[in-house]
Amino acid sequence: MSNAQNKNIFPILGLLMGAVFWGLIWFPYRLLNQVGVTGVVASFYTYMIAILIAGFVFGRHWRALFRQPISILGLLLAAGWTNLSYVLAVIDGEVMRVILLFYLSPVWTLVLAHFWLKERAGIKEVAVVIVSLLGAFVMLYDPAQGHVLPLPSSQSDWLAVSAGMGFSLTNVLTRQSVHLSLMVKSFAVWIGVVIITLIAMLLMHQSILLPPTVSNVDALMLVAVGLMLFASTLLVQYGVTHIAAARAAVIFVFELVVAAVAAYFLAGEVMSWNEWAGGFLIIAAAMFASTIHAD
C-alpha cells in the first residue's frame, strides 16, 4: 500500500470508528439507566472521565481554555445541551427515530447561518429545508393523533429535535470561533455537558452520588464510555480535518447502519414504513447539505 493510500485510509477509519461509537452509545446508557444511573448522572460521570483523560493527555490545551473570551460560554452551553438531550432521548425513545430526528440539524444550521451569520440562502439551501421538513412530516405522521400537522409525539421526540437544534447552534458558534483550536473546542464540549448536567441534577432533584445498585461492572462501563467519548472525539476530528466535508458526511452515515442493526438485535426495535420513508428523505437532505458546504 502506498503512502498516499495510507494517508487516506486512516482518516476514513477514524470516521468509521466514530460512527460505530455514536451508533452504539445508547446501549450502555440504557444499561446504566436500568440499574438506577439516570441519563443525567451517567452523562456527568462519563464526560467528567473524558475531561480527566484529556486533561492528563493534553494538559497545555486545558490551561488554554481559561484564557478564552467569555463568548466561549455560548459554545459550552449549546454543546452541553446537545449531548445531554441526545443521551436522554436515546434512553427512552426508539433509537433510529431519535437519530433521524436529530439529523434534521442541517435545516436549523441553514436557518441560523442565514439569519445569524448573514450567509445567503440559495435554491439549494431552500431545497434542503423543504426535503428535510417533508421527511419529518412523513415520519411523524400518525392518523391516530388526530392532528392536521404532525408533531413530535413524545418527550424523546422533542429531546431529539432539540438536540439537533443544539447541534446546529454549536456548529454556528464553532464557525464563529475561528480563534479556538480543535482541542480547546473539544474541552468546551465536554465541560459544557458537565455544566448542563449539574444544572439538570439541581432542577430535577437528582443526587450526584451513584446509587448502591451500581456494581463494579457498571462502574467500569462508565469509565469505558468516558474513554470512548474521548477517543471518538479525536478520531472524528482527525477524519474531518483530512477528508472533504461531503465525503466525511457520507462515511459518517454509517452510524445509521450501526444503530439500525444494534437497535434490532439489542432492543428488538423495528421502524415502521413511514419512519423509513421519512428517514430516507431526511438523510438525503442532510447529505445534500454537506455537498453545499463543501462547494
Protein backbone atom coordinates (compact mmCIF):
# COMPACT_ATOMS: atom_id res chain seq x y z
CA MET A 1 0.00 0.00 0.00
CA SER A 2 1.39 3.42 -0.97
CA ASN A 3 1.93 6.33 1.39
CA ALA A 4 -0.93 8.20 -0.28
CA GLN A 5 -3.27 5.29 0.38
CA ASN A 6 -2.10 5.09 3.98
CA LYS A 7 -2.78 8.79 4.46
CA ASN A 8 -6.28 8.29 3.07
CA ILE A 9 -7.23 5.14 4.97
CA PHE A 10 -6.55 6.40 8.49
CA PRO A 11 -8.98 9.36 8.34
CA ILE A 12 -11.63 7.02 6.90
CA LEU A 13 -11.06 4.50 9.69
CA GLY A 14 -11.27 7.33 12.21
CA LEU A 15 -14.66 8.41 10.89
CA LEU A 16 -15.93 4.83 10.72
CA MET A 17 -14.89 4.13 14.31
CA GLY A 18 -16.53 7.36 15.42
CA ALA A 19 -19.70 6.37 13.57
CA VAL A 20 -19.70 2.95 15.23
CA PHE A 21 -19.35 4.54 18.66
CA TRP A 22 -22.21 7.01 18.15
CA GLY A 23 -24.36 4.26 16.68
CA LEU A 24 -23.89 2.17 19.85
CA ILE A 25 -23.66 4.82 22.58
CA TRP A 26 -27.32 4.44 23.52
CA PHE A 27 -26.89 0.85 24.72
CA PRO A 28 -24.54 1.36 27.71
CA TYR A 29 -26.55 4.41 28.78
CA ARG A 30 -29.71 2.27 28.75
CA LEU A 31 -28.00 -0.45 30.76
CA LEU A 32 -26.84 2.11 33.33
CA ASN A 33 -30.34 3.59 33.49
CA GLN A 34 -31.70 0.14 34.34
CA VAL A 35 -29.50 -0.05 37.46
CA GLY A 36 -30.55 3.39 38.65
CA VAL A 37 -27.95 5.64 37.00
CA THR A 38 -30.10 8.18 35.14
CA GLY A 39 -29.03 9.65 31.83
CA VAL A 40 -28.19 12.93 33.54
CA VAL A 41 -25.96 11.34 36.17
CA ALA A 42 -24.37 8.94 33.68
CA SER A 43 -23.60 11.84 31.34
CA PHE A 44 -21.98 13.76 34.19
CA TYR A 45 -19.63 10.91 35.06
CA THR A 46 -18.77 9.83 31.52
CA TYR A 47 -17.96 13.36 30.38
CA MET A 48 -16.02 14.06 33.58
CA ILE A 49 -13.95 10.97 32.81
CA ALA A 50 -13.37 12.24 29.26
CA ILE A 51 -12.24 15.60 30.70
CA LEU A 52 -9.85 13.95 33.16
CA ILE A 53 -8.31 11.76 30.45
CA ALA A 54 -7.97 14.69 28.07
CA GLY A 55 -6.58 16.90 30.84
CA PHE A 56 -3.90 14.33 31.55
CA VAL A 57 -3.01 13.78 27.88
CA PHE A 58 -3.36 17.37 26.67
CA GLY A 59 -2.68 19.44 29.76
CA ARG A 60 -1.46 22.53 27.95
CA HIS A 61 -4.70 22.77 25.98
CA TRP A 62 -6.66 22.51 29.25
CA ARG A 63 -4.88 25.58 30.59
CA ALA A 64 -5.53 27.45 27.36
CA LEU A 65 -9.27 27.05 27.89
CA PHE A 66 -9.18 29.50 30.80
CA ARG A 67 -7.64 32.20 28.60
CA GLN A 68 -10.61 32.28 26.23
CA PRO A 69 -13.11 35.16 26.00
CA ILE A 70 -16.44 35.00 27.80
CA SER A 71 -18.11 34.30 24.43
CA ILE A 72 -16.99 30.66 24.73
CA LEU A 73 -19.78 30.18 27.29
CA GLY A 74 -22.31 30.08 24.43
CA LEU A 75 -20.44 27.19 22.85
CA LEU A 76 -20.23 25.38 26.21
CA LEU A 77 -23.95 25.64 26.90
CA ALA A 78 -25.11 24.79 23.36
CA ALA A 79 -22.82 21.75 23.13
CA GLY A 80 -23.74 20.69 26.65
CA TRP A 81 -27.46 20.68 25.93
CA THR A 82 -26.94 18.92 22.59
CA ASN A 83 -25.15 15.95 24.12
CA LEU A 84 -27.33 15.62 27.21
CA SER A 85 -30.64 15.86 25.35
CA TYR A 86 -29.40 13.29 22.82
CA VAL A 87 -28.50 10.83 25.59
CA LEU A 88 -31.85 11.32 27.33
CA ALA A 89 -33.67 10.84 24.03
CA VAL A 90 -31.99 7.54 23.10
CA ILE A 91 -32.55 6.13 26.58
CA ASP A 92 -36.33 6.49 26.42
CA GLY A 93 -37.10 6.68 22.70
CA GLU A 94 -36.71 4.43 19.68
CA VAL A 95 -33.07 4.65 18.66
CA MET A 96 -33.48 5.16 14.91
CA ARG A 97 -36.37 7.57 15.32
CA VAL A 98 -34.28 9.70 17.69
CA ILE A 99 -31.23 9.67 15.40
CA LEU A 100 -33.26 10.57 12.32
CA LEU A 101 -34.97 13.47 14.09
CA PHE A 102 -31.52 14.58 15.21
CA TYR A 103 -30.43 14.50 11.56
CA LEU A 104 -32.80 17.42 10.92
CA SER A 105 -29.92 19.56 12.21
CA PRO A 106 -28.87 20.77 8.70
CA VAL A 107 -32.23 22.57 8.49
CA TRP A 108 -31.59 24.52 11.68
CA THR A 109 -27.95 25.15 10.66
CA LEU A 110 -29.02 26.69 7.35
CA VAL A 111 -31.62 28.86 9.09
CA LEU A 112 -29.16 30.04 11.74
CA ALA A 113 -26.43 30.65 9.17
CA HIS A 114 -28.83 32.76 7.10
CA PHE A 115 -30.20 34.93 9.92
CA TRP A 116 -27.19 34.95 12.25
CA LEU A 117 -24.10 34.69 10.08
CA LYS A 118 -25.83 36.50 7.21
CA GLU A 119 -24.95 33.70 4.79
CA ARG A 120 -27.06 33.88 1.66
CA ALA A 121 -29.58 31.06 1.23
CA GLY A 122 -29.94 29.96 -2.37
CA ILE A 123 -32.20 27.48 -4.13
CA LYS A 124 -30.12 24.53 -2.92
CA GLU A 125 -30.42 25.58 0.71
CA VAL A 126 -34.17 26.06 0.38
CA ALA A 127 -34.44 22.59 -1.20
CA VAL A 128 -32.63 21.06 1.77
CA VAL A 129 -35.07 22.67 4.20
CA ILE A 130 -38.12 21.57 2.19
CA VAL A 131 -36.96 17.95 1.76
CA SER A 132 -35.94 17.65 5.42
CA LEU A 133 -39.24 19.01 6.69
CA LEU A 134 -41.12 16.76 4.26
CA GLY A 135 -39.20 13.80 5.69
CA ALA A 136 -40.12 14.86 9.23
CA PHE A 137 -43.76 15.21 8.12
CA VAL A 138 -43.82 11.68 6.71
CA MET A 139 -42.01 10.16 9.69
CA LEU A 140 -44.12 11.86 12.35
CA TYR A 141 -47.47 11.46 10.60
CA ASP A 142 -49.84 9.41 12.70
CA PRO A 143 -53.57 9.46 11.81
CA ALA A 144 -54.40 8.25 15.31
CA GLN A 145 -53.22 11.56 16.79
CA GLY A 146 -55.96 13.46 15.02
CA HIS A 147 -53.70 16.42 14.26
CA VAL A 148 -53.53 18.07 10.84
CA LEU A 149 -49.87 18.98 11.42
CA PRO A 150 -47.72 16.04 12.58
CA LEU A 151 -45.61 16.99 15.59
CA PRO A 152 -43.20 15.08 17.87
CA SER A 153 -45.41 12.82 19.95
CA SER A 154 -43.24 12.08 22.98
CA GLN A 155 -40.64 13.60 25.25
CA SER A 156 -37.90 11.65 23.47
CA ASP A 157 -39.04 13.08 20.12
CA TRP A 158 -38.84 16.64 21.43
CA LEU A 159 -35.46 15.96 23.02
CA ALA A 160 -34.16 14.56 19.72
CA VAL A 161 -35.34 17.62 17.79
CA SER A 162 -33.88 19.97 20.40
CA ALA A 163 -30.59 18.05 20.29
CA GLY A 164 -30.45 18.64 16.55
CA MET A 165 -31.17 22.34 17.11
CA GLY A 166 -28.45 22.48 19.76
CA PHE A 167 -26.04 20.75 17.40
CA SER A 168 -26.79 23.33 14.72
CA LEU A 169 -26.22 26.17 17.18
CA THR A 170 -22.97 24.51 18.25
CA ASN A 171 -21.87 24.34 14.60
CA VAL A 172 -22.64 28.00 14.01
CA LEU A 173 -20.83 29.06 17.19
CA THR A 174 -17.89 26.85 16.22
CA ARG A 175 -17.69 28.50 12.80
CA GLN A 176 -17.62 31.87 14.56
CA SER A 177 -14.87 30.71 16.95
CA VAL A 178 -12.08 30.58 14.40
CA HIS A 179 -9.61 31.65 17.10
CA LEU A 180 -10.13 28.42 19.06
CA SER A 181 -8.07 25.29 18.45
CA LEU A 182 -9.80 21.95 17.84
CA MET A 183 -8.65 20.67 21.22
CA VAL A 184 -9.98 23.72 23.06
CA LYS A 185 -13.32 23.25 21.29
CA SER A 186 -13.36 19.61 22.40
CA PHE A 187 -12.73 20.64 26.01
CA ALA A 188 -15.52 23.19 25.66
CA VAL A 189 -17.97 20.47 24.55
CA TRP A 190 -17.07 18.13 27.42
CA ILE A 191 -17.14 20.86 30.05
CA GLY A 192 -20.43 22.15 28.66
CA VAL A 193 -22.06 18.75 29.21
CA VAL A 194 -20.82 18.66 32.80
CA ILE A 195 -22.21 22.14 33.47
CA ILE A 196 -25.61 21.32 31.96
CA THR A 197 -25.84 18.01 33.85
CA LEU A 198 -25.10 19.74 37.15
CA ILE A 199 -27.87 22.26 36.45
CA ALA A 200 -30.23 19.44 35.43
CA MET A 201 -29.49 17.48 38.60
CA LEU A 202 -30.35 20.53 40.70
CA LEU A 203 -33.59 21.18 38.84
CA MET A 204 -34.62 17.50 38.82
CA HIS A 205 -33.50 16.91 42.42
CA GLN A 206 -31.21 14.07 41.40
CA SER A 207 -28.25 13.03 43.53
CA ILE A 208 -24.77 13.24 42.09
CA LEU A 209 -23.86 10.10 44.03
CA LEU A 210 -24.09 6.74 42.28
CA PRO A 211 -26.86 4.51 43.71
CA PRO A 212 -25.89 1.42 45.77
CA THR A 213 -27.26 -0.80 42.98
CA VAL A 214 -24.22 0.07 40.85
CA SER A 215 -21.77 -2.82 40.58
CA ASN A 216 -18.08 -2.79 39.72
CA VAL A 217 -19.02 -3.80 36.18
CA ASP A 218 -21.34 -0.80 35.91
CA ALA A 219 -18.59 1.50 37.20
CA LEU A 220 -16.21 0.08 34.60
CA MET A 221 -18.86 0.72 31.96
CA LEU A 222 -18.90 4.41 32.95
CA VAL A 223 -15.12 4.55 32.61
CA ALA A 224 -15.26 2.76 29.24
CA VAL A 225 -17.87 5.16 27.84
CA GLY A 226 -15.82 8.14 29.06
CA LEU A 227 -12.73 6.73 27.37
CA MET A 228 -14.68 6.13 24.16
CA LEU A 229 -16.07 9.69 24.25
CA PHE A 230 -12.52 10.99 24.42
CA ALA A 231 -11.25 8.68 21.68
CA SER A 232 -14.19 9.18 19.32
CA THR A 233 -13.85 12.97 19.52
CA LEU A 234 -10.22 12.76 18.47
CA LEU A 235 -10.96 10.21 15.74
CA VAL A 236 -13.78 12.24 14.21
CA GLN A 237 -11.78 15.47 14.39
CA TYR A 238 -8.86 13.75 12.68
CA GLY A 239 -11.15 12.38 9.98
CA VAL A 240 -12.97 15.63 9.16
CA THR A 241 -9.65 17.50 9.15
CA HIS A 242 -8.15 15.25 6.46
CA ILE A 243 -11.22 14.40 4.35
CA ALA A 244 -13.51 16.67 2.34
CA ALA A 245 -16.71 17.56 4.21
CA ALA A 246 -19.03 15.94 1.66
CA ARG A 247 -17.13 12.65 1.73
CA ALA A 248 -16.90 12.68 5.52
CA ALA A 249 -20.67 13.17 5.80
CA VAL A 250 -21.29 10.15 3.57
CA ILE A 251 -18.94 8.00 5.63
CA PHE A 252 -20.49 9.08 8.91
CA VAL A 253 -23.94 7.96 7.72
CA PHE A 254 -22.56 4.51 8.62
CA GLU A 255 -23.72 5.47 12.12
CA LEU A 256 -27.28 4.86 10.95
CA VAL A 257 -26.45 1.36 9.74
CA VAL A 258 -24.81 0.51 13.06
CA ALA A 259 -27.70 2.00 15.04
CA ALA A 260 -30.36 0.19 12.98
CA VAL A 261 -28.68 -3.22 13.34
CA ALA A 262 -27.92 -2.71 17.03
CA ALA A 263 -31.44 -1.47 17.82
CA TYR A 264 -32.94 -4.51 16.12
CA PHE A 265 -30.74 -7.14 17.79
CA LEU A 266 -30.21 -5.49 21.19
CA ALA A 267 -33.59 -3.86 21.75
CA GLY A 268 -35.92 -5.52 19.24
CA GLU A 269 -36.84 -2.16 17.71
CA VAL A 270 -38.27 -2.12 14.19
CA MET A 271 -39.14 1.03 12.24
CA SER A 272 -42.50 1.48 10.51
CA TRP A 273 -42.76 2.14 6.78
CA ASN A 274 -43.38 5.87 7.22
CA GLU A 275 -40.38 6.17 9.55
CA TRP A 276 -38.19 4.53 6.90
CA ALA A 277 -39.60 6.76 4.15
CA GLY A 278 -39.30 9.94 6.20
CA GLY A 279 -35.85 8.96 7.39
CA PHE A 280 -34.68 8.42 3.82
CA LEU A 281 -35.74 11.96 2.90
CA ILE A 282 -34.05 13.43 5.97
CA ILE A 283 -30.76 11.64 5.29
CA ALA A 284 -30.86 12.55 1.60
CA ALA A 285 -31.31 16.20 2.55
CA ALA A 286 -28.52 16.03 5.14
CA MET A 287 -26.09 14.53 2.62
CA PHE A 288 -27.04 17.11 0.00
CA ALA A 289 -26.50 19.87 2.58
CA SER A 290 -22.97 18.60 3.17
CA THR A 291 -22.18 18.96 -0.54
CA ILE A 292 -23.39 22.57 -0.43
CA HIS A 293 -20.93 23.41 2.34
CA ALA A 294 -18.22 21.50 0.52
CA ASP A 295 -18.74 23.68 -2.52
